[in-house]
């Protein structure tokens, strides 16, 4: 038997999975025009240098 807490947790995981699928499809369709909301992959060193020079 499921508890309410387990059911809510399971549903949240399910939503997160679908959000990941939507993001993956959006990136696929947008190709090179995709702008990340965080530091892009491989750009951490550049970001840190620029941030700490200020």
Protein backbone atom coordinates (compact mmCIF):
# COMPACT_ATOMS: atom_id res chain seq x y z
CA UNK A 1 0.00 0.00 0.00
CA UNK A 2 1.14 3.52 -0.82
CA UNK A 3 1.16 6.28 1.71
CA UNK A 4 0.11 9.77 0.64
CA UNK A 5 3.69 10.97 1.06
CA UNK A 6 5.04 8.19 -1.17
CA UNK A 7 2.38 8.91 -3.79
CA UNK A 8 3.27 12.62 -3.84
CA UNK A 9 6.97 11.82 -4.09
CA UNK A 10 6.34 9.38 -6.92
CA UNK A 11 4.23 11.92 -8.81
CA UNK A 12 6.90 14.62 -8.44
CA UNK A 13 9.51 12.24 -9.86
CA UNK A 14 7.17 11.46 -12.72
CA UNK A 15 6.71 15.17 -13.52
CA UNK A 16 10.47 15.77 -13.33
CA UNK A 17 11.03 12.95 -15.81
CA UNK A 18 8.59 14.49 -18.31
CA UNK A 19 10.09 17.96 -17.86
CA UNK A 20 13.46 16.44 -18.73
CA UNK A 21 11.94 14.93 -21.87
CA UNK A 22 10.45 18.30 -22.88
CA UNK A 23 13.79 20.08 -22.36
CA UNK A 24 15.59 17.41 -24.39
CA UNK A 25 13.13 17.84 -27.27
CA UNK A 26 13.33 21.65 -27.08
CA UNK A 27 17.14 21.50 -27.29
CA UNK A 28 16.89 19.10 -30.22
CA UNK A 29 14.50 21.31 -32.20
CA UNK A 30 16.32 24.55 -31.39
CA UNK A 31 19.75 23.09 -32.30
CA UNK A 32 22.41 25.83 -32.14
CA UNK A 33 20.10 28.58 -30.88
CA UNK A 34 19.61 27.03 -27.43
CA UNK A 35 20.61 29.36 -24.60
CA UNK A 36 21.28 27.72 -21.27
CA UNK A 37 20.01 29.41 -18.11
CA UNK A 38 23.16 28.43 -16.23
CA UNK A 39 26.86 28.31 -17.04
CA UNK A 40 27.26 26.42 -20.34
CA UNK A 41 29.08 23.09 -20.34
CA UNK A 42 32.83 23.62 -20.58
CA UNK A 43 32.64 27.35 -19.77
CA UNK A 44 33.09 27.21 -15.98
CA UNK A 45 36.72 28.31 -16.06
CA UNK A 46 35.96 31.34 -18.25
CA UNK A 47 32.97 32.25 -16.11
CA UNK A 48 35.00 32.04 -12.90
CA UNK A 49 37.84 34.16 -14.31
CA UNK A 50 35.41 36.88 -15.44
CA UNK A 51 33.49 36.78 -12.16
CA UNK A 52 36.53 37.05 -9.89
CA UNK A 53 38.24 39.79 -11.93
CA UNK A 54 35.55 42.30 -10.96
